[in-house]
Amino acid sequence: MSFSDRENSVFCMFHSLEAQKYFGQIKKRELQPRDFLVLFAMMSVCDTKTGKIKFAAQSLAEELGMNKTTFSNSIKRLKVNLIIAFILEENGEKYYIINPYLVSVGGKGKWAFTLKKFAKVFE
């Protein structure tokens, strides 16, 4: 991939300084290392134009070599620790988004949109 190809690609940007804040939660057992594996798997299926993450838990768990219960427990910990949020739109659309302070998607203009969606869950 040439540099010019990268300029036109859409990607997830992982903010490593923000991520460091979560490492202490692993030590306190509030998060487990496998939770970050689940997070990276979610990033891999993220619609990078919208930040929406839709997946079948069973199939993503199988891709990671986890059973569904272990995968679901990781999702719960990621939600409790404000790393991801579940969104249910008025039209019935369901998806997850990642805390935009930790992962940015979609380029300019999408960060504020994602932040607004993420914050609305906790109002």
N, C-alpha and C. Protein backbone atom coordinates (compact mmCIF):
# COMPACT_ATOMS: atom_id res chain seq x y z
N MET A 1 0.85 -1.18 0.00
CA MET A 1 0.00 0.00 0.00
C MET A 1 0.89 1.24 0.00
N SER A 2 0.70 2.11 -0.92
CA SER A 2 1.49 3.33 -0.98
C SER A 2 0.90 4.38 -0.04
N PHE A 3 1.68 5.42 0.21
CA PHE A 3 1.20 6.49 1.10
C PHE A 3 -0.08 7.12 0.57
N SER A 4 -0.17 7.31 -0.74
CA SER A 4 -1.38 7.93 -1.31
C SER A 4 -2.60 7.05 -1.10
N ASP A 5 -2.43 5.73 -1.10
CA ASP A 5 -3.54 4.83 -0.82
C ASP A 5 -4.03 5.03 0.62
N ARG A 6 -3.10 5.21 1.55
CA ARG A 6 -3.47 5.38 2.95
C ARG A 6 -4.25 6.67 3.17
N GLU A 7 -3.95 7.70 2.41
CA GLU A 7 -4.65 8.97 2.57
C GLU A 7 -6.13 8.83 2.24
N ASN A 8 -6.48 7.93 1.34
CA ASN A 8 -7.87 7.76 0.92
C ASN A 8 -8.59 6.65 1.68
N SER A 9 -7.86 5.91 2.49
CA SER A 9 -8.49 4.81 3.20
C SER A 9 -9.20 5.33 4.45
N VAL A 10 -10.11 4.55 4.93
CA VAL A 10 -10.82 4.89 6.15
C VAL A 10 -10.35 3.89 7.20
N PHE A 11 -10.11 4.37 8.41
CA PHE A 11 -9.51 3.50 9.42
C PHE A 11 -9.99 3.88 10.81
N CYS A 12 -9.69 3.01 11.77
CA CYS A 12 -9.91 3.30 13.18
C CYS A 12 -8.58 3.79 13.76
N MET A 13 -8.63 4.87 14.51
CA MET A 13 -7.42 5.38 15.15
C MET A 13 -7.52 5.09 16.64
N PHE A 14 -6.58 4.31 17.12
CA PHE A 14 -6.52 3.92 18.52
C PHE A 14 -5.67 4.93 19.27
N HIS A 15 -6.22 5.54 20.31
CA HIS A 15 -5.51 6.57 21.08
C HIS A 15 -4.81 5.90 22.26
N SER A 16 -3.52 5.64 22.10
CA SER A 16 -2.78 4.86 23.08
C SER A 16 -2.68 5.54 24.44
N LEU A 17 -2.59 6.85 24.48
CA LEU A 17 -2.52 7.52 25.78
C LEU A 17 -3.81 7.32 26.57
N GLU A 18 -4.93 7.37 25.89
CA GLU A 18 -6.22 7.12 26.55
C GLU A 18 -6.29 5.67 27.01
N ALA A 19 -5.76 4.77 26.21
CA ALA A 19 -5.79 3.33 26.54
C ALA A 19 -5.03 3.04 27.83
N GLN A 20 -3.97 3.78 28.07
CA GLN A 20 -3.18 3.55 29.28
C GLN A 20 -4.01 3.70 30.55
N LYS A 21 -5.04 4.52 30.49
CA LYS A 21 -5.91 4.70 31.65
C LYS A 21 -6.62 3.40 32.04
N TYR A 22 -6.81 2.53 31.05
CA TYR A 22 -7.54 1.29 31.31
C TYR A 22 -6.64 0.17 31.83
N PHE A 23 -5.33 0.31 31.71
CA PHE A 23 -4.44 -0.75 32.13
C PHE A 23 -4.53 -1.02 33.63
N GLY A 24 -4.74 0.02 34.42
CA GLY A 24 -4.90 -0.15 35.86
C GLY A 24 -6.14 -0.96 36.19
N GLN A 25 -7.14 -0.89 35.32
CA GLN A 25 -8.37 -1.65 35.55
C GLN A 25 -8.13 -3.15 35.35
N ILE A 26 -7.13 -3.50 34.58
CA ILE A 26 -6.77 -4.91 34.45
C ILE A 26 -6.16 -5.38 35.77
N LYS A 27 -5.27 -4.57 36.33
CA LYS A 27 -4.63 -4.91 37.60
C LYS A 27 -5.67 -5.06 38.71
N LYS A 28 -6.70 -4.20 38.69
CA LYS A 28 -7.76 -4.27 39.70
C LYS A 28 -8.79 -5.35 39.40
N ARG A 29 -8.63 -6.02 38.28
CA ARG A 29 -9.52 -7.10 37.84
C ARG A 29 -10.90 -6.58 37.38
N GLU A 30 -10.97 -5.27 37.07
CA GLU A 30 -12.20 -4.73 36.51
C GLU A 30 -12.30 -5.05 35.02
N LEU A 31 -11.14 -5.23 34.39
CA LEU A 31 -11.04 -5.66 33.00
C LEU A 31 -10.08 -6.82 32.92
N GLN A 32 -10.21 -7.61 31.87
CA GLN A 32 -9.29 -8.72 31.64
C GLN A 32 -8.59 -8.49 30.31
N PRO A 33 -7.37 -8.99 30.15
CA PRO A 33 -6.67 -8.81 28.88
C PRO A 33 -7.50 -9.25 27.67
N ARG A 34 -8.29 -10.30 27.83
CA ARG A 34 -9.09 -10.78 26.69
C ARG A 34 -10.15 -9.76 26.26
N ASP A 35 -10.52 -8.84 27.17
CA ASP A 35 -11.49 -7.81 26.81
C ASP A 35 -10.95 -6.93 25.69
N PHE A 36 -9.64 -6.70 25.71
CA PHE A 36 -9.04 -5.89 24.65
C PHE A 36 -8.98 -6.66 23.34
N LEU A 37 -8.87 -7.97 23.40
CA LEU A 37 -8.96 -8.78 22.19
C LEU A 37 -10.36 -8.63 21.58
N VAL A 38 -11.38 -8.66 22.42
CA VAL A 38 -12.75 -8.46 21.95
C VAL A 38 -12.89 -7.05 21.36
N LEU A 39 -12.31 -6.05 22.04
CA LEU A 39 -12.37 -4.68 21.53
C LEU A 39 -11.72 -4.59 20.14
N PHE A 40 -10.55 -5.19 19.97
CA PHE A 40 -9.89 -5.15 18.66
C PHE A 40 -10.70 -5.89 17.61
N ALA A 41 -11.35 -6.97 18.00
CA ALA A 41 -12.22 -7.68 17.05
C ALA A 41 -13.39 -6.79 16.64
N MET A 42 -13.93 -6.05 17.60
CA MET A 42 -15.02 -5.12 17.29
C MET A 42 -14.53 -4.02 16.34
N MET A 43 -13.32 -3.54 16.58
CA MET A 43 -12.74 -2.53 15.69
C MET A 43 -12.62 -3.07 14.27
N SER A 44 -12.32 -4.36 14.16
CA SER A 44 -12.12 -4.95 12.83
C SER A 44 -13.41 -5.06 12.03
N VAL A 45 -14.56 -5.05 12.71
CA VAL A 45 -15.84 -5.13 12.00
C VAL A 45 -16.59 -3.79 12.03
N CYS A 46 -15.92 -2.77 12.50
CA CYS A 46 -16.52 -1.43 12.61
C CYS A 46 -16.71 -0.82 11.22
N ASP A 47 -17.87 -0.22 11.02
CA ASP A 47 -18.10 0.58 9.81
C ASP A 47 -17.34 1.88 10.04
N THR A 48 -16.21 2.03 9.39
CA THR A 48 -15.34 3.17 9.68
C THR A 48 -15.87 4.49 9.17
N LYS A 49 -16.95 4.46 8.42
CA LYS A 49 -17.56 5.72 7.98
C LYS A 49 -18.54 6.26 9.02
N THR A 50 -19.16 5.34 9.78
CA THR A 50 -20.18 5.74 10.75
C THR A 50 -19.79 5.45 12.20
N GLY A 51 -18.86 4.55 12.41
CA GLY A 51 -18.49 4.13 13.76
C GLY A 51 -19.40 3.05 14.32
N LYS A 52 -20.39 2.64 13.54
CA LYS A 52 -21.33 1.61 14.01
C LYS A 52 -20.68 0.23 13.92
N ILE A 53 -20.93 -0.57 14.96
CA ILE A 53 -20.39 -1.92 15.01
C ILE A 53 -21.55 -2.88 15.17
N LYS A 54 -21.73 -3.69 14.14
CA LYS A 54 -22.79 -4.71 14.17
C LYS A 54 -22.14 -6.06 13.94
N PHE A 55 -22.52 -7.03 14.76
CA PHE A 55 -21.94 -8.37 14.63
C PHE A 55 -22.85 -9.39 15.30
N ALA A 56 -22.66 -10.63 14.91
CA ALA A 56 -23.30 -11.74 15.60
C ALA A 56 -22.32 -12.23 16.66
N ALA A 57 -22.71 -12.17 17.92
CA ALA A 57 -21.81 -12.52 19.02
C ALA A 57 -21.22 -13.91 18.84
N GLN A 58 -22.04 -14.86 18.46
CA GLN A 58 -21.57 -16.24 18.32
C GLN A 58 -20.46 -16.33 17.28
N SER A 59 -20.64 -15.71 16.13
CA SER A 59 -19.64 -15.83 15.07
C SER A 59 -18.35 -15.08 15.42
N LEU A 60 -18.45 -13.91 16.03
CA LEU A 60 -17.24 -13.19 16.41
C LEU A 60 -16.51 -13.93 17.53
N ALA A 61 -17.26 -14.49 18.46
CA ALA A 61 -16.65 -15.30 19.53
C ALA A 61 -15.89 -16.49 18.95
N GLU A 62 -16.51 -17.16 17.98
CA GLU A 62 -15.85 -18.31 17.35
C GLU A 62 -14.58 -17.90 16.63
N GLU A 63 -14.60 -16.75 15.96
CA GLU A 63 -13.40 -16.27 15.28
C GLU A 63 -12.26 -16.03 16.27
N LEU A 64 -12.59 -15.66 17.50
CA LEU A 64 -11.59 -15.40 18.53
C LEU A 64 -11.23 -16.65 19.32
N GLY A 65 -11.92 -17.75 19.05
CA GLY A 65 -11.67 -18.98 19.79
C GLY A 65 -12.25 -18.95 21.19
N MET A 66 -13.30 -18.18 21.39
CA MET A 66 -13.97 -18.07 22.70
C MET A 66 -15.35 -18.67 22.61
N ASN A 67 -15.87 -19.08 23.77
CA ASN A 67 -17.27 -19.46 23.77
C ASN A 67 -18.10 -18.19 23.93
N LYS A 68 -19.36 -18.28 23.63
CA LYS A 68 -20.23 -17.09 23.63
C LYS A 68 -20.34 -16.45 25.00
N THR A 69 -20.35 -17.26 26.06
CA THR A 69 -20.45 -16.71 27.42
C THR A 69 -19.23 -15.87 27.77
N THR A 70 -18.04 -16.36 27.46
CA THR A 70 -16.81 -15.62 27.72
C THR A 70 -16.80 -14.32 26.93
N PHE A 71 -17.22 -14.40 25.67
CA PHE A 71 -17.29 -13.22 24.81
C PHE A 71 -18.29 -12.21 25.39
N SER A 72 -19.46 -12.67 25.77
CA SER A 72 -20.50 -11.80 26.33
C SER A 72 -20.05 -11.14 27.63
N ASN A 73 -19.30 -11.88 28.45
CA ASN A 73 -18.78 -11.29 29.69
C ASN A 73 -17.79 -10.17 29.39
N SER A 74 -16.98 -10.34 28.35
CA SER A 74 -16.07 -9.27 27.94
C SER A 74 -16.84 -8.04 27.48
N ILE A 75 -17.88 -8.27 26.70
CA ILE A 75 -18.73 -7.15 26.24
C ILE A 75 -19.30 -6.41 27.45
N LYS A 76 -19.78 -7.14 28.44
CA LYS A 76 -20.33 -6.50 29.65
C LYS A 76 -19.29 -5.65 30.36
N ARG A 77 -18.07 -6.19 30.51
CA ARG A 77 -17.01 -5.42 31.18
C ARG A 77 -16.65 -4.17 30.38
N LEU A 78 -16.60 -4.30 29.06
CA LEU A 78 -16.30 -3.15 28.21
C LEU A 78 -17.37 -2.07 28.35
N LYS A 79 -18.62 -2.48 28.49
CA LYS A 79 -19.72 -1.52 28.68
C LYS A 79 -19.63 -0.87 30.06
N VAL A 80 -19.44 -1.66 31.09
CA VAL A 80 -19.39 -1.14 32.46
C VAL A 80 -18.24 -0.14 32.62
N ASN A 81 -17.15 -0.39 31.93
CA ASN A 81 -15.97 0.48 32.03
C ASN A 81 -15.98 1.61 30.99
N LEU A 82 -17.12 1.82 30.36
CA LEU A 82 -17.35 2.93 29.42
C LEU A 82 -16.40 2.91 28.22
N ILE A 83 -16.05 1.71 27.78
CA ILE A 83 -15.22 1.57 26.59
C ILE A 83 -16.10 1.44 25.35
N ILE A 84 -17.22 0.78 25.50
CA ILE A 84 -18.19 0.66 24.41
C ILE A 84 -19.57 1.01 24.94
N ALA A 85 -20.46 1.30 24.03
CA ALA A 85 -21.86 1.57 24.40
C ALA A 85 -22.76 0.88 23.38
N PHE A 86 -23.87 0.39 23.86
CA PHE A 86 -24.88 -0.22 22.99
C PHE A 86 -25.90 0.86 22.65
N ILE A 87 -26.20 0.98 21.37
CA ILE A 87 -27.14 2.00 20.89
C ILE A 87 -28.37 1.30 20.33
N LEU A 88 -29.53 1.75 20.75
CA LEU A 88 -30.79 1.31 20.17
C LEU A 88 -31.50 2.56 19.66
N GLU A 89 -31.52 2.71 18.35
CA GLU A 89 -32.13 3.89 17.73
C GLU A 89 -33.65 3.78 17.78
N GLU A 90 -34.31 4.90 17.64
CA GLU A 90 -35.78 4.93 17.63
C GLU A 90 -36.36 4.08 16.50
N ASN A 91 -35.63 3.95 15.40
CA ASN A 91 -36.09 3.15 14.26
C ASN A 91 -35.83 1.66 14.45
N GLY A 92 -35.28 1.27 15.61
CA GLY A 92 -35.03 -0.14 15.91
C GLY A 92 -33.63 -0.61 15.56
N GLU A 93 -32.82 0.24 14.92
CA GLU A 93 -31.46 -0.16 14.58
C GLU A 93 -30.63 -0.34 15.86
N LYS A 94 -29.87 -1.45 15.91
CA LYS A 94 -29.06 -1.77 17.08
C LYS A 94 -27.60 -1.88 16.65
N TYR A 95 -26.71 -1.29 17.45
CA TYR A 95 -25.29 -1.39 17.17
C TYR A 95 -24.49 -0.94 18.40
N TYR A 96 -23.21 -1.19 18.36
CA TYR A 96 -22.30 -0.71 19.39
C TYR A 96 -21.46 0.42 18.80
N ILE A 97 -20.96 1.27 19.68
CA ILE A 97 -19.93 2.23 19.30
C ILE A 97 -18.85 2.19 20.38
N ILE A 98 -17.66 2.57 19.98
CA ILE A 98 -16.53 2.60 20.91
C ILE A 98 -16.36 4.03 21.41
N ASN A 99 -15.97 4.15 22.65
CA ASN A 99 -15.70 5.46 23.25
C ASN A 99 -14.80 6.25 22.31
N PRO A 100 -15.26 7.38 21.80
CA PRO A 100 -14.48 8.13 20.81
C PRO A 100 -13.19 8.74 21.37
N TYR A 101 -13.06 8.79 22.70
CA TYR A 101 -11.79 9.24 23.27
C TYR A 101 -10.73 8.13 23.15
N LEU A 102 -11.18 6.89 22.99
CA LEU A 102 -10.26 5.76 22.87
C LEU A 102 -10.00 5.39 21.41
N VAL A 103 -11.05 5.41 20.59
CA VAL A 103 -10.93 5.04 19.19
C VAL A 103 -11.72 6.05 18.34
N SER A 104 -11.05 6.64 17.38
CA SER A 104 -11.71 7.56 16.44
C SER A 104 -11.93 6.85 15.12
N VAL A 105 -13.08 7.10 14.51
CA VAL A 105 -13.38 6.54 13.19
C VAL A 105 -13.98 7.61 12.30
N GLY A 106 -13.89 7.40 11.01
CA GLY A 106 -14.62 8.24 10.07
C GLY A 106 -14.01 9.56 9.69
N GLY A 107 -12.88 9.90 10.25
CA GLY A 107 -12.25 11.14 9.85
C GLY A 107 -12.90 12.36 10.47
N LYS A 108 -12.59 13.51 9.89
CA LYS A 108 -13.08 14.80 10.41
C LYS A 108 -14.61 14.83 10.42
N GLY A 109 -15.15 15.41 11.45
CA GLY A 109 -16.59 15.58 11.54
C GLY A 109 -17.32 14.42 12.18
N LYS A 110 -16.77 13.23 12.10
CA LYS A 110 -17.44 12.07 12.69
C LYS A 110 -17.17 11.94 14.18
N TRP A 111 -16.07 12.49 14.66
CA TRP A 111 -15.73 12.36 16.07
C TRP A 111 -16.82 12.98 16.94
N ALA A 112 -17.24 14.19 16.61
CA ALA A 112 -18.26 14.86 17.40
C ALA A 112 -19.58 14.10 17.35
N PHE A 113 -19.92 13.56 16.18
CA PHE A 113 -21.14 12.77 16.03
C PHE A 113 -21.09 11.53 16.92
N THR A 114 -19.95 10.84 16.90
CA THR A 114 -19.79 9.63 17.71
C THR A 114 -19.81 9.97 19.19
N LEU A 115 -19.16 11.07 19.57
CA LEU A 115 -19.16 11.50 20.96
C LEU A 115 -20.59 11.78 21.44
N LYS A 116 -21.36 12.45 20.61
CA LYS A 116 -22.75 12.76 20.97
C LYS A 116 -23.56 11.48 21.18
N LYS A 117 -23.40 10.50 20.27
CA LYS A 117 -24.10 9.22 20.40
C LYS A 117 -23.67 8.49 21.67
N PHE A 118 -22.37 8.50 21.94
CA PHE A 118 -21.82 7.79 23.09
C PHE A 118 -22.34 8.44 24.38
N ALA A 119 -22.29 9.76 24.45
CA ALA A 119 -22.72 10.48 25.65
C ALA A 119 -24.21 10.32 25.91
N LYS A 120 -25.00 10.24 24.85
CA LYS A 120 -26.46 10.13 24.99
C LYS A 120 -26.86 8.87 25.75
N VAL A 121 -26.07 7.81 25.61
CA VAL A 121 -26.37 6.54 26.30
C VAL A 121 -26.34 6.74 27.81
N PHE A 122 -25.51 7.65 28.28
CA PHE A 122 -25.31 7.81 29.72
C PHE A 122 -26.07 8.97 30.31
N GLU A 123 -26.95 9.59 29.53
CA GLU A 123 -27.77 10.70 30.06
C GLU A 123 -28.85 10.19 30.98
